Amino acid sequence: MTSTPKTILVLCHRIPFPADKGDKIRNYYLIKSLASHFKVILGCFIDQPYDQMYQDQLPTLADSVYCRSLFIRKRAWNACHALFIGTSITERFYSDAKMADWAAEQSAHADAILVASSAMAQYVPAQHRSKAVLDFVDYDSQKWRHYASQTDNALKAWIYRREARKLQQYEKLLVAEFKAACLVSNSEAQQFEADLPSALHHKIVALPNGIDVDYFNPQLFEMPIEAGLIVFTGEMNYQPNIDAVIWFAQRVLPHIQSQNKVRFCIVGRHPSAEVLALRNDYIEVTGRVEDVRPYLARAQLVVAPMQLARGIKNKVLEAMAMAKPIVATQAALFGLETAAQTDAIAIADTPELFADACLKTLAANEHAWASRDVVAQHFCWQASANTLISLLINANDGPNA
């Protein structure tokens, strides 16, 4: 007689389909793996009108789905409310009364709960948090602290410092109340753990990102490499990505252009005004594309010139899986120490050294098959899913299960 699978409630701040963005990729693959062990009840928001078209796809991922639209005006109001009542913006940004009612009812009946991001932790009532695992992914309070140190705008600096302080307090509270808390890399987990009381250290778990090497496979694309094509991929209204391409376009690319006529292609949806302003005869900004793989397939070089990076960069793993040579900053490889050991990734942090590394890599004109082997061996979604399943399978037995 087959036993009934346990029920897991999964709460995501963004619809986990399609798997085309950092958090959506992570949640998609983890939920897909969980579905083979649990009955999955999914609650999520649609925070972009464009994503409404994908709502009908969710039943292929979960047994039951509750989806709420929460667009920018409501989220902006929530942020203002957070400033007024004294909480972090993160705590209030995705607040919604109907989601709260639904999640409270589901929490009472679920055998285990997975919360994807601290923004969704509000939806798990206190009495059910001992059977819930919280996937922080990144140490977000430290990201806001870095933003505060980098801006010259006094108001922004104040808001960023406030968010860093309030959010760190909230993060510590959540770790104390939840069964376990996951971070995207060993490096991130160690930094987070260092700021916690020692009694909470056992709750911190590293849960690395993975890559689907069957999907990101250069052999699926029979197209020539375009000489001199340099590609960057990412969500282009995300500040670390904006800072990265501006730094590269303004401080690195002129050095490269003086010796090698190249083309820089910025691939990703929602390009900000600053990114759009970079466009010229040799800088292309694509906006949203249906598939980044053809751009990676044609690229002679992929760059990851991140000035700030928390957690594992999917853009790096995707380029490695596509056997592309990469030039990256140290920040872009945070949490990817194993991957960084391959000769196919050049590391440079100053504009001059970054430009030199790009020129050297372009001149070599080689595939990076060793990088593909590294990600296939060390960055597998199933390994992280197995860790998560072991945390959740007995979650309802209590906080020490």
Protein backbone atom coordinates (compact mmCIF):
# COMPACT_ATOMS: atom_id res chain seq x y z
CA MET A 1 0.00 0.00 0.00
CA THR A 2 1.45 3.35 -1.05
CA SER A 3 1.51 5.98 1.71
CA THR A 4 0.12 9.45 1.05
CA PRO A 5 2.95 11.95 0.43
CA LYS A 6 3.45 14.69 2.96
CA THR A 7 2.18 18.14 2.07
CA ILE A 8 4.61 21.02 1.70
CA LEU A 9 3.57 24.64 1.48
CA VAL A 10 5.92 26.73 -0.68
CA LEU A 11 5.73 30.53 -0.52
CA CYS A 12 7.49 32.61 -3.21
CA HIS A 13 7.48 36.38 -3.64
CA ARG A 14 7.60 35.96 -7.43
CA ILE A 15 5.99 33.42 -9.76
CA PRO A 16 8.60 30.65 -10.25
CA PHE A 17 7.97 30.36 -13.97
CA PRO A 18 9.51 30.79 -16.46
CA ALA A 19 12.94 30.03 -15.02
CA ASP A 20 14.54 33.13 -16.52
CA LYS A 21 15.76 35.12 -13.50
CA GLY A 22 17.87 34.35 -10.44
CA ASP A 23 15.23 33.68 -7.79
CA LYS A 24 12.78 32.20 -10.32
CA ILE A 25 15.43 29.77 -11.59
CA ARG A 26 16.30 28.64 -8.06
CA ASN A 27 12.68 28.23 -6.99
CA TYR A 28 11.65 26.47 -10.19
CA TYR A 29 14.29 23.74 -9.93
CA LEU A 30 13.89 23.25 -6.18
CA ILE A 31 10.10 23.01 -6.40
CA LYS A 32 10.40 20.63 -9.34
CA SER A 33 12.56 18.32 -7.20
CA LEU A 34 10.33 18.65 -4.14
CA ALA A 35 7.30 17.61 -6.20
CA SER A 36 8.69 14.08 -6.49
CA HIS A 37 8.61 13.70 -2.68
CA PHE A 38 5.77 15.93 -1.52
CA LYS A 39 2.34 17.16 -2.44
CA VAL A 40 3.26 20.78 -3.23
CA ILE A 41 0.93 23.66 -2.36
CA LEU A 42 2.31 26.84 -3.96
CA GLY A 43 1.51 30.41 -2.99
CA CYS A 44 3.15 33.19 -4.98
CA PHE A 45 2.81 36.71 -6.34
CA ILE A 46 2.85 38.01 -9.88
CA ASP A 47 4.71 41.29 -9.57
CA GLN A 48 5.04 42.10 -13.30
CA PRO A 49 2.03 42.32 -15.65
CA TYR A 50 4.02 40.42 -18.29
CA ASP A 51 4.18 37.34 -16.06
CA GLN A 52 0.39 36.98 -15.88
CA MET A 53 0.54 34.95 -19.08
CA TYR A 54 2.46 32.21 -17.25
CA GLN A 55 -0.04 31.66 -14.43
CA ASP A 56 -1.69 28.78 -16.30
CA GLN A 57 1.65 26.95 -16.40
CA LEU A 58 1.93 26.62 -12.62
CA PRO A 59 -0.24 23.49 -12.24
CA THR A 60 2.52 21.60 -14.06
CA LEU A 61 4.83 22.52 -11.17
CA ALA A 62 2.59 22.16 -8.11
CA ASP A 63 -0.49 20.20 -7.04
CA SER A 64 -2.34 23.32 -5.92
CA VAL A 65 -1.64 26.97 -6.65
CA TYR A 66 -2.73 30.30 -5.16
CA CYS A 67 -1.50 33.30 -7.13
CA ARG A 68 -1.96 37.00 -6.31
CA SER A 69 -1.08 40.03 -8.42
CA LEU A 70 0.90 42.66 -6.54
CA PHE A 71 2.12 45.38 -8.88
CA ILE A 72 4.40 48.35 -8.35
CA ARG A 73 1.91 50.87 -6.90
CA LYS A 74 0.88 48.50 -4.11
CA ARG A 75 4.47 47.55 -3.39
CA ALA A 76 5.47 51.24 -3.28
CA TRP A 77 2.66 51.89 -0.82
CA ASN A 78 3.87 48.99 1.31
CA ALA A 79 7.38 50.45 1.33
CA CYS A 80 6.11 53.83 2.51
CA HIS A 81 4.05 52.12 5.19
CA ALA A 82 7.16 50.32 6.43
CA LEU A 83 8.95 53.64 6.89
CA PHE A 84 5.95 54.96 8.83
CA ILE A 85 5.56 51.99 11.20
CA GLY A 86 9.28 51.42 11.78
CA THR A 87 9.88 48.05 10.11
CA SER A 88 12.25 47.14 7.32
CA ILE A 89 10.91 47.72 3.82
CA THR A 90 11.60 44.06 3.04
CA GLU A 91 9.12 42.98 5.73
CA ARG A 92 6.27 44.97 4.22
CA PHE A 93 7.10 45.10 0.50
CA TYR A 94 5.05 42.02 -0.43
CA SER A 95 2.30 42.41 2.16
CA ASP A 96 -1.17 41.35 1.09
CA ALA A 97 -4.14 40.59 3.35
CA LYS A 98 -5.64 37.87 1.15
CA MET A 99 -2.32 36.06 0.84
CA ALA A 100 -1.96 36.26 4.63
CA ASP A 101 -5.36 34.63 5.20
CA TRP A 102 -4.70 31.88 2.66
CA ALA A 103 -1.17 31.15 3.91
CA ALA A 104 -2.27 31.00 7.55
CA GLU A 105 -4.86 28.34 6.72
CA GLN A 106 -2.41 26.34 4.59
CA SER A 107 0.32 26.58 7.24
CA ALA A 108 -1.92 24.89 9.79
CA HIS A 109 -2.43 21.83 7.56
CA ALA A 110 0.98 21.54 5.89
CA ASP A 111 3.49 18.96 7.10
CA ALA A 112 6.36 21.31 6.18
CA ILE A 113 6.83 24.80 4.83
CA LEU A 114 9.45 26.28 2.50
CA VAL A 115 9.66 30.07 2.45
CA ALA A 116 11.58 31.47 -0.50
CA SER A 117 12.98 34.84 0.71
CA SER A 118 12.66 36.78 3.93
CA ALA A 119 9.96 38.94 2.32
CA MET A 120 7.56 35.96 2.52
CA ALA A 121 8.35 34.96 6.12
CA GLN A 122 5.53 37.22 7.33
CA TYR A 123 3.01 34.69 6.00
CA VAL A 124 3.98 31.85 8.36
CA PRO A 125 2.24 32.24 11.72
CA ALA A 126 4.56 32.05 14.73
CA GLN A 127 3.16 28.71 15.93
CA HIS A 128 4.06 27.03 12.61
CA ARG A 129 7.57 28.40 12.09
CA SER A 130 9.25 25.44 13.78
CA LYS A 131 8.27 23.27 10.79
CA ALA A 132 9.38 25.87 8.22
CA VAL A 133 12.66 26.28 6.35
CA LEU A 134 13.53 29.79 5.23
CA ASP A 135 15.61 30.20 2.09
CA PHE A 136 17.26 33.60 2.52
CA VAL A 137 19.37 32.95 -0.60
CA ASP A 138 21.52 36.06 -0.02
CA TYR A 139 22.56 37.97 3.09
CA ASP A 140 20.41 40.89 2.02
CA SER A 141 21.02 43.28 4.92
CA GLN A 142 24.69 43.43 3.94
CA LYS A 143 23.72 44.31 0.37
CA TRP A 144 21.87 47.39 1.65
CA ARG A 145 24.83 48.33 3.81
CA HIS A 146 27.05 48.25 0.72
CA TYR A 147 24.56 50.36 -1.25
CA ALA A 148 24.67 52.99 1.49
CA SER A 149 28.45 53.18 1.28
CA GLN A 150 28.40 53.63 -2.50
CA THR A 151 25.82 56.39 -3.03
CA ASP A 152 26.39 60.14 -2.89
CA ASN A 153 22.66 60.80 -2.43
CA ALA A 154 22.06 61.62 1.25
CA LEU A 155 18.42 60.49 1.25
CA LYS A 156 19.23 57.19 -0.47
CA ALA A 157 22.12 56.61 1.93
CA TRP A 158 19.81 57.12 4.91
CA ILE A 159 17.18 54.76 3.51
CA TYR A 160 19.81 52.12 2.69
CA ARG A 161 21.43 52.33 6.15
CA ARG A 162 18.03 52.11 7.80
CA GLU A 163 17.09 49.08 5.71
CA ALA A 164 20.39 47.36 6.49
CA ARG A 165 19.90 47.88 10.23
CA LYS A 166 16.20 46.96 10.38
CA LEU A 167 16.54 44.00 8.04
CA GLN A 168 19.47 42.51 9.94
CA GLN A 169 17.38 42.63 13.12
CA TYR A 170 14.57 40.87 11.28
CA GLU A 171 16.92 38.26 9.79
CA LYS A 172 18.20 37.31 13.25
CA LEU A 173 14.65 37.03 14.58
CA LEU A 174 13.65 34.74 11.73
CA VAL A 175 16.61 32.41 12.22
CA ALA A 176 15.64 32.03 15.87
CA GLU A 177 12.03 31.13 14.99
CA PHE A 178 12.42 28.95 11.88
CA LYS A 179 13.64 25.35 11.78
CA ALA A 180 16.53 26.18 9.43
CA ALA A 181 17.79 29.01 7.25
CA CYS A 182 19.49 28.51 3.88
CA LEU A 183 22.09 30.65 2.10
CA VAL A 184 23.25 30.27 -1.47
CA SER A 185 26.90 29.42 -0.81
CA ASN A 186 29.32 28.39 1.92
CA SER A 187 30.84 31.87 1.82
CA GLU A 188 27.47 33.53 2.28
CA ALA A 189 26.50 31.11 5.05
CA GLN A 190 29.75 31.74 6.92
CA GLN A 191 29.28 35.52 6.76
CA PHE A 192 25.71 35.20 7.98
CA GLU A 193 26.65 32.80 10.75
CA ALA A 194 29.39 35.12 12.02
CA ASP A 195 26.76 37.74 12.90
CA LEU A 196 24.53 35.32 14.82
CA PRO A 197 24.67 34.07 18.42
CA SER A 198 26.52 30.75 18.56
CA ALA A 199 23.35 28.99 19.72
CA LEU A 200 21.84 29.59 16.27
CA HIS A 201 24.80 28.49 14.14
CA HIS A 202 23.44 24.96 13.69
CA LYS A 203 20.41 26.33 11.83
CA ILE A 204 22.43 27.82 8.96
CA VAL A 205 22.67 25.65 5.85
CA ALA A 206 24.47 26.27 2.56
CA LEU A 207 22.19 25.50 -0.39
CA PRO A 208 24.09 26.31 -3.60
CA ASN A 209 22.53 27.14 -6.93
CA GLY A 210 22.83 24.64 -9.74
CA ILE A 211 22.71 24.64 -13.50
CA ASP A 212 20.83 22.51 -16.01
CA VAL A 213 23.69 21.43 -18.29
CA ASP A 214 21.31 19.65 -20.64
CA TYR A 215 19.49 22.94 -21.28
CA PHE A 216 22.60 25.13 -21.35
CA ASN A 217 24.40 23.00 -23.89
CA PRO A 218 26.40 24.66 -26.67
CA GLN A 219 25.96 21.64 -28.90
CA LEU A 220 22.27 22.49 -29.24
CA PHE A 221 23.19 25.62 -31.21
CA GLU A 222 24.78 25.26 -34.61
CA MET A 223 25.80 28.86 -35.12
CA PRO A 224 29.21 30.45 -35.60
CA ILE A 225 30.91 32.41 -32.88
CA GLU A 226 30.88 36.12 -33.71
CA ALA A 227 34.42 37.49 -33.54
CA GLY A 228 34.67 40.30 -31.00
CA LEU A 229 31.22 39.75 -29.47
CA ILE A 230 31.27 40.32 -25.69
CA VAL A 231 28.08 39.44 -23.82
CA PHE A 232 26.65 40.28 -20.40
CA THR A 233 23.37 38.72 -19.22
CA GLY A 234 21.11 39.71 -16.36
CA GLU A 235 18.03 41.53 -15.10
CA MET A 236 18.83 45.07 -16.17
CA ASN A 237 16.85 47.01 -13.58
CA TYR A 238 18.82 45.28 -10.80
CA GLN A 239 21.32 47.74 -9.37
CA PRO A 240 24.38 45.43 -9.21
CA ASN A 241 23.86 44.59 -12.91
CA ILE A 242 23.40 48.27 -13.80
CA ASP A 243 26.59 49.19 -11.95
CA ALA A 244 28.46 46.32 -13.63
CA VAL A 245 27.64 47.24 -17.24
CA ILE A 246 28.18 50.96 -16.66
CA TRP A 247 31.59 50.26 -15.14
CA PHE A 248 32.50 47.98 -18.04
CA ALA A 249 31.15 50.28 -20.78
CA GLN A 250 32.68 53.46 -19.44
CA ARG A 251 35.92 52.32 -17.83
CA VAL A 252 36.91 49.04 -19.51
CA LEU A 253 35.51 49.01 -23.03
CA PRO A 254 37.43 52.09 -24.27
CA HIS A 255 40.72 50.28 -23.47
CA ILE A 256 39.56 47.22 -25.40
CA GLN A 257 38.27 49.25 -28.35
CA SER A 258 41.61 50.98 -28.73
CA GLN A 259 43.18 47.62 -29.67
CA ASN A 260 40.32 45.40 -30.86
CA LYS A 261 37.06 46.51 -32.44
CA VAL A 262 34.51 44.61 -30.41
CA ARG A 263 30.76 44.69 -29.85
CA PHE A 264 29.25 44.64 -26.36
CA CYS A 265 25.78 43.11 -26.05
CA ILE A 266 23.80 43.66 -22.82
CA VAL A 267 21.13 40.94 -22.71
CA GLY A 268 18.28 41.16 -20.21
CA ARG A 269 14.85 42.51 -19.52
CA HIS A 270 13.81 45.84 -17.99
CA PRO A 271 16.91 47.88 -18.90
CA SER A 272 17.06 51.03 -16.80
CA ALA A 273 17.44 54.51 -18.26
CA GLU A 274 21.15 54.45 -17.37
CA VAL A 275 21.62 51.19 -19.26
CA LEU A 276 19.66 52.37 -22.30
CA ALA A 277 21.83 55.50 -22.39
CA LEU A 278 24.88 53.30 -23.03
CA ARG A 279 23.67 52.33 -26.52
CA ASN A 280 25.87 53.35 -29.43
CA ASP A 281 27.35 51.85 -32.61
CA TYR A 282 29.09 49.05 -30.70
CA ILE A 283 26.95 48.65 -27.54
CA GLU A 284 23.61 46.86 -27.94
CA VAL A 285 20.91 46.69 -25.25
CA THR A 286 18.45 43.94 -26.16
CA GLY A 287 15.79 44.24 -23.49
CA ARG A 288 13.75 41.11 -22.85
CA VAL A 289 14.69 38.08 -24.96
CA GLU A 290 12.92 34.75 -25.07
CA ASP A 291 16.17 32.78 -24.71
CA VAL A 292 19.65 33.95 -23.67
CA ARG A 293 21.35 30.83 -25.00
CA PRO A 294 21.70 31.99 -28.64
CA TYR A 295 23.48 35.12 -27.43
CA LEU A 296 25.82 33.05 -25.29
CA ALA A 297 26.36 30.60 -28.16
CA ARG A 298 27.48 33.42 -30.49
CA ALA A 299 29.62 35.19 -27.89
CA GLN A 300 33.38 35.01 -28.10
CA LEU A 301 33.61 36.23 -24.50
CA VAL A 302 31.26 36.60 -21.54
CA VAL A 303 31.96 39.22 -18.87
CA ALA A 304 30.81 39.46 -15.25
CA PRO A 305 32.20 42.81 -14.08
CA MET A 306 30.20 42.92 -10.84
CA GLN A 307 31.12 45.58 -8.32
CA LEU A 308 28.71 44.15 -5.76
CA ALA A 309 27.51 40.58 -5.71
CA ARG A 310 25.78 38.54 -3.04
CA GLY A 311 25.47 34.82 -3.56
CA ILE A 312 26.09 32.69 -6.61
CA LYS A 313 25.72 34.38 -9.99
CA ASN A 314 23.61 32.28 -12.35
CA LYS A 315 25.02 34.28 -15.26
CA VAL A 316 28.45 32.81 -14.52
CA LEU A 317 27.18 29.24 -14.25
CA GLU A 318 25.21 29.60 -17.49
CA ALA A 319 28.24 30.90 -19.38
CA MET A 320 30.37 28.08 -17.98
CA ALA A 321 27.79 25.48 -19.03
CA MET A 322 27.84 26.99 -22.52
CA ALA A 323 31.65 26.50 -22.55
CA LYS A 324 32.36 30.22 -22.80
CA PRO A 325 35.55 31.90 -21.61
CA ILE A 326 34.75 34.43 -18.89
CA VAL A 327 36.41 37.51 -17.46
CA ALA A 328 35.03 38.37 -14.03
CA THR A 329 35.71 40.41 -10.94
CA GLN A 330 36.30 38.76 -7.58
CA ALA A 331 32.84 39.94 -6.50
CA ALA A 332 31.18 38.03 -9.35
CA LEU A 333 32.82 34.80 -8.20
CA PHE A 334 31.79 35.09 -4.55
CA GLY A 335 30.56 31.63 -3.58
CA LEU A 336 31.97 30.10 -6.75
CA GLU A 337 35.44 29.28 -5.45
CA THR A 338 35.41 25.84 -7.06
CA ALA A 339 34.43 27.28 -10.43
CA ALA A 340 37.03 30.03 -10.18
CA GLN A 341 39.82 27.46 -10.20
CA THR A 342 39.33 26.69 -13.88
CA ASP A 343 41.73 28.33 -16.33
CA ALA A 344 38.77 29.44 -18.46
CA ILE A 345 37.88 32.21 -15.98
CA ALA A 346 40.16 35.23 -15.79
CA ILE A 347 39.82 37.40 -12.68
CA ALA A 348 40.52 41.14 -12.67
CA ASP A 349 39.25 44.04 -10.57
CA THR A 350 40.73 47.21 -12.05
CA PRO A 351 39.62 48.62 -15.42
CA GLU A 352 43.07 48.24 -16.94
CA LEU A 353 43.58 44.65 -15.78
CA PHE A 354 40.02 43.72 -16.79
CA ALA A 355 40.60 45.14 -20.28
CA ASP A 356 43.91 43.30 -20.59
CA ALA A 357 42.27 40.03 -19.54
CA CYS A 358 39.52 40.53 -22.13
CA LEU A 359 42.03 41.23 -24.90
CA LYS A 360 44.11 38.20 -23.97
CA THR A 361 41.04 35.94 -23.88
CA LEU A 362 39.75 37.26 -27.21
CA ALA A 363 43.15 36.64 -28.79
CA ALA A 364 43.20 33.05 -27.53
CA ASN A 365 39.83 32.43 -29.24
CA GLU A 366 39.10 29.13 -27.50
CA HIS A 367 36.10 27.29 -26.09
CA ALA A 368 36.05 26.59 -22.36
CA TRP A 369 35.07 22.94 -22.21
CA ALA A 370 36.78 22.55 -18.82
CA SER A 371 34.32 25.06 -17.33
CA ARG A 372 31.40 22.98 -18.53
CA ASP A 373 32.88 19.92 -16.83
CA VAL A 374 33.28 21.87 -13.56
CA VAL A 375 29.65 23.01 -13.36
CA ALA A 376 28.38 19.57 -14.32
CA GLN A 377 30.36 18.05 -11.46
CA HIS A 378 29.96 20.66 -8.69
CA PHE A 379 26.80 22.67 -9.39
CA CYS A 380 23.96 20.19 -9.66
CA TRP A 381 20.42 21.17 -8.63
CA GLN A 382 19.68 17.68 -7.36
CA ALA A 383 22.41 17.87 -4.70
CA SER A 384 20.88 21.02 -3.23
CA ALA A 385 17.38 19.58 -3.56
CA ASN A 386 18.46 16.51 -1.58
CA THR A 387 19.73 18.73 1.23
CA LEU A 388 16.46 20.64 1.27
CA ILE A 389 14.35 17.47 1.19
CA SER A 390 16.23 16.09 4.21
CA LEU A 391 15.42 19.29 6.12
CA LEU A 392 11.74 19.19 5.19
CA ILE A 393 10.90 15.49 5.30
CA ASN A 394 10.66 15.42 9.11
CA ALA A 395 9.99 19.11 9.67
CA ASN A 396 6.66 18.55 11.38
CA ASP A 397 8.40 16.62 14.18
CA GLY A 398 9.54 19.93 15.69
CA PRO A 399 12.43 22.38 15.62
CA ASN A 400 15.07 19.79 16.46
CA ALA A 401 13.91 17.12 14.02
